Amino acid sequence: MKRIDLPKLLNEENPIGIELGVKGGGFSVKLIECYNFKKFYMIDVWDSMHTYRKYKYKQHILHLNNYLSMINYSKNCTKTDVIPLRGYFKDFFMLFDDQYFDFIYIDGDAESGQEKGQTIRHWLPKLKPNGILSGHDYYLNGSKYPLTKYYVDLIAKENNLKVNIVGVSEANSSWYYTK
């Protein structure tokens, strides 16, 4: 199973989903086009100052272009209500009711372990029962992004959740919990 297959595990016919850490939007667009999401949110800072400080202006323009591309995509997408939001994950979680999302995918801040687990802790209550909270950059041996593995495992233990792994043959495997 690959990360693109994760929504197949949902029992919801018209799920509500979100990707945290969209960058160019490629994975979000694939999810939207492959599955019948009722709504799909995309959150990213789309700003070079956050992750790509050394590239500054060129990267800033690239990220703004990515954001504008996602806005354009959202206006032309017919089957799904697509909502791109620009900012930090921690600035948006409180805008959504608990148990709002069927599917949450985190693809950002792997170096910090999703902000030392805070991203996962903030968004886990937003997941409906039987929903999937998942993310990228999980290495079983902890060789890369060890903080991501540490906090994913810790939060699973704290909440009596099982960590499942998909995409082991891909460049970066993904983890998921089913609530």
Foldseek 3Di string as FASTA:
>chain_A
DAPLCVVVQFPDQAFEEEEEAQQLNPSVVSNVVVHQHQEYEYEEQLACVPPPVVVPPVSSVSSVVSQVVQVVVQVVDDRYNYHYDHDHLVVPLVVADFQRGQYYEYEDDLLCLCVLLPSVVSCVRNHHQQGKYKYKAADPVCPPSVSVPVNVVVVCVVVVWDWDWPDPVPPIIMIMTHD
